[in-house]
C-alpha atoms as a PDB file:
ATOM      1  CA  MET A   1     292.446 -71.948  45.632  1.00  0.00           C
ATOM      2  CA  LYS A   2     293.238 -70.947  49.230  1.00  0.00           C
ATOM      3  CA  ASN A   3     291.795 -67.492  48.636  1.00  0.00           C
ATOM      4  CA  PHE A   4     288.686 -69.065  47.155  1.00  0.00           C
ATOM      5  CA  LEU A   5     288.224 -71.358  50.170  1.00  0.00           C
ATOM      6  CA  ARG A   6     288.676 -68.448  52.579  1.00  0.00           C
ATOM      7  CA  THR A   7     286.110 -66.390  50.664  1.00  0.00           C
ATOM      8  CA  PHE A   8     283.691 -69.310  50.542  1.00  0.00           C
ATOM      9  CA  ALA A   9     284.114 -70.028  54.265  1.00  0.00           C
ATOM     10  CA  GLY A  10     283.497 -66.360  55.041  1.00  0.00           C
ATOM     11  CA  PHE A  11     280.386 -66.413  52.919  1.00  0.00           C
ATOM     12  CA  LEU A  12     279.044 -69.463  54.760  1.00  0.00           C
ATOM     13  CA  LEU A  13     279.822 -67.869  58.106  1.00  0.00           C
ATOM     14  CA  ALA A  14     277.940 -64.706  57.114  1.00  0.00           C
ATOM     15  CA  ILE A  15     274.928 -66.765  56.005  1.00  0.00           C
ATOM     16  CA  LEU A  16     274.998 -68.643  59.327  1.00  0.00           C
ATOM     17  CA  LEU A  17     275.132 -65.395  61.319  1.00  0.00           C
ATOM     18  CA  ILE A  18     272.217 -63.929  59.357  1.00  0.00           C
ATOM     19  CA  PHE A  19     270.202 -67.106  59.908  1.00  0.00           C
ATOM     20  CA  CYS A  20     270.880 -66.972  63.664  1.00  0.00           C
ATOM     21  CA  VAL A  21     269.778 -63.331  63.824  1.00  0.00           C
ATOM     22  CA  PHE A  22     266.524 -64.118  62.030  1.00  0.00           C
ATOM     23  CA  TRP A  23     265.980 -67.122  64.326  1.00  0.00           C
ATOM     24  CA  LEU A  24     266.251 -64.877  67.391  1.00  0.00           C
ATOM     25  CA  VAL A  25     264.258 -61.950  66.043  1.00  0.00           C
ATOM     26  CA  PHE A  26     261.539 -64.019  64.387  1.00  0.00           C
ATOM     27  CA  PRO A  27     261.025 -67.153  66.516  1.00  0.00           C
ATOM     28  CA  LYS A  28     258.874 -70.005  65.317  1.00  0.00           C
ATOM     29  CA  ALA A  29     255.128 -69.342  65.316  1.00  0.00           C
ATOM     30  CA  GLY A  30     253.309 -71.046  68.141  1.00  0.00           C
ATOM     31  CA  ASN A  31     250.682 -70.678  70.817  1.00  0.00           C
ATOM     32  CA  ARG A  32     250.336 -66.987  71.708  1.00  0.00           C
ATOM     33  CA  PHE A  33     249.733 -68.043  75.325  1.00  0.00           C
ATOM     34  CA  SER A  34     252.994 -69.983  75.600  1.00  0.00           C
ATOM     35  CA  GLY A  35     255.642 -68.930  78.086  1.00  0.00           C
ATOM     36  CA  GLU A  36     256.225 -68.812  81.799  1.00  0.00           C
ATOM     37  CA  LYS A  37     252.752 -67.488  82.557  1.00  0.00           C
ATOM     38  CA  ARG A  38     251.030 -70.470  80.981  1.00  0.00           C
ATOM     39  CA  THR A  39     250.074 -73.775  82.562  1.00  0.00           C
ATOM     40  CA  VAL A  40     248.199 -76.536  80.762  1.00  0.00           C
ATOM     41  CA  ILE A  41     245.333 -78.545  82.236  1.00  0.00           C
ATOM     42  CA  THR A  42     245.788 -82.249  81.569  1.00  0.00           C
ATOM     43  CA  GLN A  43     243.809 -83.979  84.323  1.00  0.00           C
ATOM     44  CA  LYS A  44     240.629 -85.894  83.525  1.00  0.00           C
ATOM     45  CA  LYS A  45     238.626 -84.440  86.423  1.00  0.00           C
ATOM     46  CA  ILE A  46     238.362 -80.664  86.277  1.00  0.00           C
ATOM     47  CA  LYS A  47     236.902 -78.381  88.934  1.00  0.00           C
ATOM     48  CA  TYR A  48     235.348 -75.205  87.570  1.00  0.00           C
ATOM     49  CA  ALA A  49     234.211 -72.187  89.624  1.00  0.00           C
ATOM     50  CA  ALA A  50     232.228 -69.349  88.028  1.00  0.00           C
ATOM     51  CA  LEU A  51     232.266 -66.018  89.851  1.00  0.00           C
ATOM     52  CA  GLY A  52     230.462 -62.859  88.874  1.00  0.00           C
ATOM     53  CA  ASP A  53     227.257 -60.951  88.268  1.00  0.00           C
ATOM     54  CA  SER A  54     224.007 -61.714  86.423  1.00  0.00           C
ATOM     55  CA  LEU A  55     225.880 -63.041  83.382  1.00  0.00           C
ATOM     56  CA  THR A  56     227.294 -65.795  85.560  1.00  0.00           C
ATOM     57  CA  GLU A  57     223.984 -66.374  87.346  1.00  0.00           C
ATOM     58  CA  GLY A  58     222.386 -66.697  83.929  1.00  0.00           C
ATOM     59  CA  VAL A  59     219.636 -64.078  83.924  1.00  0.00           C
ATOM     60  CA  GLY A  60     217.778 -64.411  80.630  1.00  0.00           C
ATOM     61  CA  ASP A  61     218.492 -68.128  80.276  1.00  0.00           C
ATOM     62  CA  ALA A  62     215.120 -69.771  79.573  1.00  0.00           C
ATOM     63  CA  THR A  63     216.406 -73.107  80.884  1.00  0.00           C
ATOM     64  CA  THR A  64     217.396 -71.528  84.251  1.00  0.00           C
ATOM     65  CA  GLN A  65     220.520 -73.692  84.179  1.00  0.00           C
ATOM     66  CA  GLY A  66     223.038 -70.873  84.645  1.00  0.00           C
ATOM     67  CA  GLY A  67     223.603 -69.212  81.281  1.00  0.00           C
ATOM     68  CA  PHE A  68     227.013 -69.813  79.713  1.00  0.00           C
ATOM     69  CA  VAL A  69     228.453 -71.665  82.732  1.00  0.00           C
ATOM     70  CA  PRO A  70     227.051 -75.171  82.036  1.00  0.00           C
ATOM     71  CA  LEU A  71     227.557 -74.652  78.306  1.00  0.00           C
ATOM     72  CA  PHE A  72     231.241 -73.899  78.803  1.00  0.00           C
ATOM     73  CA  ALA A  73     231.622 -76.883  81.137  1.00  0.00           C
ATOM     74  CA  LYS A  74     229.964 -79.164  78.565  1.00  0.00           C
ATOM     75  CA  ALA A  75     232.223 -77.800  75.813  1.00  0.00           C
ATOM     76  CA  ILE A  76     235.289 -78.791  77.849  1.00  0.00           C
ATOM     77  CA  GLU A  77     233.868 -82.277  78.391  1.00  0.00           C
ATOM     78  CA  ASN A  78     232.982 -82.749  74.718  1.00  0.00           C
ATOM     79  CA  GLY A  79     236.262 -81.318  73.506  1.00  0.00           C
ATOM     80  CA  THR A  80     238.674 -83.029  75.888  1.00  0.00           C
ATOM     81  CA  GLY A  81     236.914 -86.079  77.291  1.00  0.00           C
ATOM     82  CA  SER A  82     237.470 -84.774  80.819  1.00  0.00           C
ATOM     83  CA  SER A  83     234.671 -84.592  83.374  1.00  0.00           C
ATOM     84  CA  VAL A  84     233.871 -81.141  84.756  1.00  0.00           C
ATOM     85  CA  THR A  85     232.353 -80.341  88.140  1.00  0.00           C
ATOM     86  CA  SER A  86     231.137 -76.753  88.198  1.00  0.00           C
ATOM     87  CA  GLN A  87     229.999 -74.310  90.882  1.00  0.00           C
ATOM     88  CA  ASN A  88     228.099 -71.141  90.014  1.00  0.00           C
ATOM     89  CA  PHE A  89     228.752 -68.158  92.299  1.00  0.00           C
ATOM     90  CA  GLY A  90     226.978 -65.551  90.186  1.00  0.00           C
ATOM     91  CA  LYS A  91     224.625 -62.962  91.657  1.00  0.00           C
ATOM     92  CA  ALA A  92     222.582 -60.521  89.606  1.00  0.00           C
ATOM     93  CA  GLY A  93     223.235 -56.850  90.226  1.00  0.00           C
ATOM     94  CA  ASP A  94     226.658 -57.246  91.797  1.00  0.00           C
ATOM     95  CA  THR A  95     229.320 -54.655  91.121  1.00  0.00           C
ATOM     96  CA  SER A  96     233.022 -55.515  91.384  1.00  0.00           C
ATOM     97  CA  THR A  97     232.981 -54.344  95.011  1.00  0.00           C
ATOM     98  CA  GLN A  98     230.022 -56.557  95.877  1.00  0.00           C
ATOM     99  CA  ILE A  99     231.573 -59.569  94.138  1.00  0.00           C
ATOM    100  CA  TYR A 100     234.765 -58.991  96.098  1.00  0.00           C
ATOM    101  CA  ASN A 101     232.935 -58.708  99.421  1.00  0.00           C
ATOM    102  CA  ARG A 102     230.901 -61.853  98.721  1.00  0.00           C
ATOM    103  CA  MET A 103     234.064 -63.718  97.857  1.00  0.00           C
ATOM    104  CA  LEU A 104     235.589 -62.804 101.216  1.00  0.00           C
ATOM    105  CA  LYS A 105     232.509 -63.403 103.367  1.00  0.00           C
ATOM    106  CA  GLN A 106     231.105 -66.624 101.938  1.00  0.00           C
ATOM    107  CA  LYS A 107     233.218 -69.637 102.791  1.00  0.00           C
ATOM    108  CA  LYS A 108     231.700 -71.764 100.034  1.00  0.00           C
ATOM    109  CA  ILE A 109     232.989 -69.264  97.455  1.00  0.00           C
ATOM    110  CA  THR A 110     236.438 -69.082  99.043  1.00  0.00           C
ATOM    111  CA  LYS A 111     236.623 -72.877  99.145  1.00  0.00           C
ATOM    112  CA  GLY A 112     235.329 -73.288  95.595  1.00  0.00           C
ATOM    113  CA  LEU A 113     237.807 -70.805  94.154  1.00  0.00           C
ATOM    114  CA  LYS A 114     240.688 -72.304  96.118  1.00  0.00           C
ATOM    115  CA  LYS A 115     240.134 -75.787  94.697  1.00  0.00           C
ATOM    116  CA  ALA A 116     239.231 -74.768  91.145  1.00  0.00           C
ATOM    117  CA  ASP A 117     241.310 -75.662  88.108  1.00  0.00           C
ATOM    118  CA  VAL A 118     239.345 -73.205  85.947  1.00  0.00           C
ATOM    119  CA  ILE A 119     237.716 -69.935  87.019  1.00  0.00           C
ATOM    120  CA  THR A 120     235.564 -67.571  84.974  1.00  0.00           C
ATOM    121  CA  LEU A 121     234.763 -64.015  86.048  1.00  0.00           C
ATOM    122  CA  THR A 122     232.031 -61.745  84.690  1.00  0.00           C
ATOM    123  CA  VAL A 123     232.315 -58.253  86.104  1.00  0.00           C
ATOM    124  CA  GLY A 124     232.014 -54.629  85.062  1.00  0.00           C
ATOM    125  CA  GLY A 125     228.540 -54.228  83.604  1.00  0.00           C
ATOM    126  CA  ASN A 126     227.032 -53.114  86.901  1.00  0.00           C
ATOM    127  CA  ASP A 127     230.000 -50.850  87.628  1.00  0.00           C
ATOM    128  CA  LEU A 128     229.348 -49.051  84.358  1.00  0.00           C
ATOM    129  CA  MET A 129     225.608 -48.879  85.054  1.00  0.00           C
ATOM    130  CA  LYS A 130     226.348 -47.392  88.480  1.00  0.00           C
ATOM    131  CA  VAL A 131     228.185 -44.517  86.813  1.00  0.00           C
ATOM    132  CA  LEU A 132     225.074 -43.869  84.727  1.00  0.00           C
ATOM    133  CA  ARG A 133     222.761 -44.051  87.741  1.00  0.00           C
ATOM    134  CA  ASP A 134     224.984 -41.716  89.750  1.00  0.00           C
ATOM    135  CA  ASN A 135     224.729 -39.162  86.923  1.00  0.00           C
ATOM    136  CA  VAL A 136     221.099 -39.718  85.966  1.00  0.00           C
ATOM    137  CA  THR A 137     220.314 -35.991  85.998  1.00  0.00           C
ATOM    138  CA  LYS A 138     222.888 -35.237  83.309  1.00  0.00           C
ATOM    139  CA  LEU A 139     222.779 -38.326  81.118  1.00  0.00           C
ATOM    140  CA  SER A 140     222.091 -36.324  77.978  1.00  0.00           C
ATOM    141  CA  THR A 141     225.228 -34.233  78.428  1.00  0.00           C
ATOM    142  CA  MET A 142     227.678 -36.905  79.626  1.00  0.00           C
ATOM    143  CA  SER A 143     230.875 -37.349  77.645  1.00  0.00           C
ATOM    144  CA  GLU A 144     233.606 -39.940  77.626  1.00  0.00           C
ATOM    145  CA  LYS A 145     235.569 -37.808  80.088  1.00  0.00           C
ATOM    146  CA  ASP A 146     232.937 -38.512  82.749  1.00  0.00           C
ATOM    147  CA  PHE A 147     233.912 -42.189  82.669  1.00  0.00           C
ATOM    148  CA  VAL A 148     237.691 -41.826  82.881  1.00  0.00           C
ATOM    149  CA  LYS A 149     238.052 -41.687  86.669  1.00  0.00           C
ATOM    150  CA  PRO A 150     235.436 -44.409  87.297  1.00  0.00           C
ATOM    151  CA  GLU A 151     237.253 -46.594  84.769  1.00  0.00           C
ATOM    152  CA  ALA A 152     240.599 -46.163  86.543  1.00  0.00           C
ATOM    153  CA  ALA A 153     239.008 -46.951  89.920  1.00  0.00           C
ATOM    154  CA  TYR A 154     237.306 -50.001  88.406  1.00  0.00           C
ATOM    155  CA  GLN A 155     240.574 -51.385  87.047  1.00  0.00           C
ATOM    156  CA  LYS A 156     242.078 -51.192  90.526  1.00  0.00           C
ATOM    157  CA  ARG A 157     239.151 -53.230  91.854  1.00  0.00           C
ATOM    158  CA  VAL A 158     239.581 -55.819  89.103  1.00  0.00           C
ATOM    159  CA  LYS A 159     243.250 -56.207  89.990  1.00  0.00           C
ATOM    160  CA  LYS A 160     242.328 -56.517  93.667  1.00  0.00           C
ATOM    161  CA  LEU A 161     239.819 -59.249  92.805  1.00  0.00           C
ATOM    162  CA  LEU A 162     242.345 -61.215  90.774  1.00  0.00           C
ATOM    163  CA  ASP A 163     245.139 -60.779  93.310  1.00  0.00           C
ATOM    164  CA  THR A 164     242.885 -62.023  96.121  1.00  0.00           C
ATOM    165  CA  ILE A 165     241.907 -65.109  94.109  1.00  0.00           C
ATOM    166  CA  ARG A 166     245.583 -65.781  93.456  1.00  0.00           C
ATOM    167  CA  GLN A 167     246.473 -65.693  97.142  1.00  0.00           C
ATOM    168  CA  ASP A 168     244.605 -68.970  97.673  1.00  0.00           C
ATOM    169  CA  ASN A 169     244.908 -70.403  94.171  1.00  0.00           C
ATOM    170  CA  PRO A 170     248.110 -69.607  92.268  1.00  0.00           C
ATOM    171  CA  LYS A 171     247.602 -72.244  89.559  1.00  0.00           C
ATOM    172  CA  ALA A 172     244.028 -71.993  88.255  1.00  0.00           C
ATOM    173  CA  GLN A 173     243.377 -70.666  84.775  1.00  0.00           C
ATOM    174  CA  ILE A 174     241.239 -67.532  85.077  1.00  0.00           C
ATOM    175  CA  TYR A 175     239.116 -66.260  82.185  1.00  0.00           C
ATOM    176  CA  VAL A 176     237.780 -62.717  82.552  1.00  0.00           C
ATOM    177  CA  LEU A 177     234.919 -61.860  80.218  1.00  0.00           C
ATOM    178  CA  GLY A 178     234.548 -58.349  78.887  1.00  0.00           C
ATOM    179  CA  ILE A 179     231.420 -56.197  79.011  1.00  0.00           C
ATOM    180  CA  TYR A 180     229.074 -55.417  76.113  1.00  0.00           C
ATOM    181  CA  ASN A 181     226.760 -52.613  74.996  1.00  0.00           C
ATOM    182  CA  PRO A 182     223.121 -53.764  75.131  1.00  0.00           C
ATOM    183  CA  PHE A 183     221.776 -50.394  73.949  1.00  0.00           C
ATOM    184  CA  TYR A 184     223.387 -50.233  70.513  1.00  0.00           C
ATOM    185  CA  ILE A 185     220.490 -51.577  68.414  1.00  0.00           C
ATOM    186  CA  ASN A 186     217.951 -49.104  69.764  1.00  0.00           C
ATOM    187  CA  PHE A 187     220.323 -46.184  70.306  1.00  0.00           C
ATOM    188  CA  PRO A 188     223.120 -46.418  67.708  1.00  0.00           C
ATOM    189  CA  GLU A 189     223.572 -42.657  67.942  1.00  0.00           C
ATOM    190  CA  MET A 190     224.839 -43.096  71.519  1.00  0.00           C
ATOM    191  CA  THR A 191     228.434 -43.347  70.362  1.00  0.00           C
ATOM    192  CA  VAL A 192     229.652 -42.321  73.816  1.00  0.00           C
ATOM    193  CA  MET A 193     228.384 -45.587  75.299  1.00  0.00           C
ATOM    194  CA  GLN A 194     230.051 -47.730  72.643  1.00  0.00           C
ATOM    195  CA  ASN A 195     233.336 -45.844  73.018  1.00  0.00           C
ATOM    196  CA  VAL A 196     233.192 -46.186  76.802  1.00  0.00           C
ATOM    197  CA  VAL A 197     232.537 -49.926  76.577  1.00  0.00           C
ATOM    198  CA  ASP A 198     235.480 -50.290  74.184  1.00  0.00           C
ATOM    199  CA  SER A 199     237.708 -48.261  76.500  1.00  0.00           C
ATOM    200  CA  TRP A 200     236.767 -50.237  79.603  1.00  0.00           C
ATOM    201  CA  ASN A 201     237.361 -53.501  77.770  1.00  0.00           C
ATOM    202  CA  LYS A 202     240.783 -52.398  76.539  1.00  0.00           C
ATOM    203  CA  SER A 203     241.767 -51.353  80.052  1.00  0.00           C
ATOM    204  CA  THR A 204     240.527 -54.644  81.502  1.00  0.00           C
ATOM    205  CA  GLU A 205     242.439 -56.582  78.868  1.00  0.00           C
ATOM    206  CA  SER A 206     245.578 -54.646  79.821  1.00  0.00           C
ATOM    207  CA  THR A 207     245.016 -55.351  83.529  1.00  0.00           C
ATOM    208  CA  VAL A 208     244.399 -59.047  82.872  1.00  0.00           C
ATOM    209  CA  SER A 209     247.448 -59.385  80.622  1.00  0.00           C
ATOM    210  CA  LYS A 210     249.699 -58.512  83.556  1.00  0.00           C
ATOM    211  CA  GLU A 211     248.336 -61.380  85.656  1.00  0.00           C
ATOM    212  CA  LYS A 212     249.815 -64.863  85.550  1.00  0.00           C
ATOM    213  CA  ASN A 213     247.744 -67.541  83.792  1.00  0.00           C
ATOM    214  CA  THR A 214     244.825 -65.126  83.351  1.00  0.00           C
ATOM    215  CA  TYR A 215     243.082 -64.422  80.039  1.00  0.00           C
ATOM    216  CA  PHE A 216     240.667 -61.802  78.719  1.00  0.00           C
ATOM    217  CA  VAL A 217     237.691 -62.949  76.624  1.00  0.00           C
ATOM    218  CA  PRO A 218     236.057 -60.140  74.579  1.00  0.00           C
ATOM    219  CA  ILE A 219     232.324 -60.533  73.927  1.00  0.00           C
ATOM    220  CA  ASN A 220     231.101 -57.077  72.909  1.00  0.00           C
ATOM    221  CA  ASP A 221     231.666 -57.527  69.179  1.00  0.00           C
ATOM    222  CA  LEU A 222     229.889 -60.883  69.374  1.00  0.00           C
ATOM    223  CA  LEU A 223     226.746 -59.527  71.047  1.00  0.00           C
ATOM    224  CA  TYR A 224     226.152 -55.811  70.627  1.00  0.00           C
ATOM    225  CA  LYS A 225     224.803 -55.918  67.057  1.00  0.00           C
ATOM    226  CA  GLY A 226     223.028 -59.260  67.339  1.00  0.00           C
ATOM    227  CA  THR A 227     222.952 -61.492  64.288  1.00  0.00           C
ATOM    228  CA  GLY A 228     220.492 -59.222  62.541  1.00  0.00           C
ATOM    229  CA  THR A 229     217.665 -57.206  64.061  1.00  0.00           C
ATOM    230  CA  GLN A 230     214.156 -58.479  64.625  1.00  0.00           C
ATOM    231  CA  ALA A 231     210.933 -56.493  64.785  1.00  0.00           C
ATOM    232  CA  VAL A 232     209.106 -56.452  68.118  1.00  0.00           C
ATOM    233  CA  GLU A 233     205.768 -54.934  69.038  1.00  0.00           C
ATOM    234  CA  SER A 234     205.878 -52.250  71.688  1.00  0.00           C
ATOM    235  CA  ASP A 235     203.717 -52.687  74.798  1.00  0.00           C
ATOM    236  CA  SER A 236     202.656 -49.051  74.819  1.00  0.00           C
ATOM    237  CA  THR A 237     201.831 -48.574  71.146  1.00  0.00           C
ATOM    238  CA  SER A 238     200.982 -50.667  68.133  1.00  0.00           C
ATOM    239  CA  SER A 239     204.125 -49.562  66.348  1.00  0.00           C
ATOM    240  CA  GLU A 240     207.108 -51.835  65.965  1.00  0.00           C
ATOM    241  CA  SER A 241     210.687 -51.283  67.052  1.00  0.00           C
ATOM    242  CA  VAL A 242     213.811 -53.359  66.613  1.00  0.00           C
ATOM    243  CA  ALA A 243     215.564 -55.577  69.133  1.00  0.00           C
ATOM    244  CA  ASN A 244     218.867 -57.381  69.429  1.00  0.00           C
ATOM    245  CA  ASN A 245     218.026 -61.026  68.776  1.00  0.00           C
ATOM    246  CA  LEU A 246     220.824 -62.196  71.078  1.00  0.00           C
ATOM    247  CA  LEU A 247     219.263 -60.516  74.105  1.00  0.00           C
ATOM    248  CA  TYR A 248     216.503 -61.709  76.422  1.00  0.00           C
ATOM    249  CA  THR A 249     213.144 -60.257  75.344  1.00  0.00           C
ATOM    250  CA  GLY A 250     212.141 -59.805  78.980  1.00  0.00           C
ATOM    251  CA  ASP A 251     214.584 -56.937  79.500  1.00  0.00           C
ATOM    252  CA  HIS A 252     216.540 -56.454  76.229  1.00  0.00           C
ATOM    253  CA  PHE A 253     219.630 -56.290  78.395  1.00  0.00           C
ATOM    254  CA  HIS A 254     220.831 -59.773  79.321  1.00  0.00           C
ATOM    255  CA  PRO A 255     221.734 -62.455  76.761  1.00  0.00           C
ATOM    256  CA  ASN A 256     219.173 -65.042  75.739  1.00  0.00           C
ATOM    257  CA  ASN A 257     220.003 -68.717  75.219  1.00  0.00           C
ATOM    258  CA  THR A 258     221.682 -68.038  71.887  1.00  0.00           C
ATOM    259  CA  GLY A 259     223.656 -65.169  73.385  1.00  0.00           C
ATOM    260  CA  TYR A 260     224.874 -67.342  76.238  1.00  0.00           C
ATOM    261  CA  GLN A 261     225.898 -70.051  73.777  1.00  0.00           C
ATOM    262  CA  ILE A 262     227.979 -67.493  71.892  1.00  0.00           C
ATOM    263  CA  MET A 263     229.619 -66.453  75.167  1.00  0.00           C
ATOM    264  CA  ALA A 264     230.361 -70.076  76.074  1.00  0.00           C
ATOM    265  CA  ASP A 265     231.871 -70.678  72.638  1.00  0.00           C
ATOM    266  CA  ALA A 266     234.131 -67.627  73.058  1.00  0.00           C
ATOM    267  CA  VAL A 267     235.386 -68.758  76.463  1.00  0.00           C
ATOM    268  CA  TYR A 268     235.963 -72.303  75.219  1.00  0.00           C
ATOM    269  CA  ALA A 269     237.863 -71.027  72.169  1.00  0.00           C
ATOM    270  CA  SER A 270     240.246 -69.248  74.546  1.00  0.00           C
ATOM    271  CA  TYR A 271     240.442 -72.302  76.814  1.00  0.00           C
ATOM    272  CA  LYS A 272     241.203 -74.558  73.856  1.00  0.00           C
ATOM    273  CA  GLU A 273     243.998 -72.299  72.640  1.00  0.00           C
ATOM    274  CA  VAL A 274     245.553 -72.068  76.101  1.00  0.00           C
ATOM    275  CA  ASN A 275     245.481 -75.822  76.632  1.00  0.00           C
ATOM    276  CA  ARG A 276     246.431 -77.122  73.216  1.00  0.00           C
END
């Protein structure tokens, strides 16, 4: 009997040890944003500052209300019952360097970012376009290698932007939106552009992941193919071409109202997961 009890006790001990190992190696599923880097917004009055380029300004928004910015603010209000006061510091055409310089020079931006509970940042599209403009004479022969050094330099500027924001505001939740490929529908054979956009987004996501309480929001897969193509009549000929129905028909580059709603939904989905 004693031998049996010893064997049984040993068996139970082994089971307990195995259970403890599994508990440590495979912790309970939970919020993927949980941990020391995460803070949750609980107040009923939220201050929101939007910083960035034309996507923040809202170019292509037929309502001229500011693109995804007011839509995201309204989603927070509808989803949480909190009131949101927003400030839009977007400026069309700005590269990461120009956004950074504006942030330093304009006191209203510095003040708005310092007091914000939530910050969104749209950046990168104009940096990528600058690479294309700087190499306009050899566009047809450019390869992905031509974007490697500009990408590395861009990531340093993104980190500098985020670090500067953090100097005055260590607690705000920052959501950095990725870039998208507006040329895919008309030029699907330009695989270099799609690969470059994917690469820049992956690098930005990696940069953002190293920052406290900062989150990357991918939008390329949501926008670059549209929700199905639509036929449009060309201005120069009577023939028809196709267009991305999530982009503004005035330039086929910036999102239209539906595109901005999709962006707002993506940012709010991330916000909701962080603050649940």
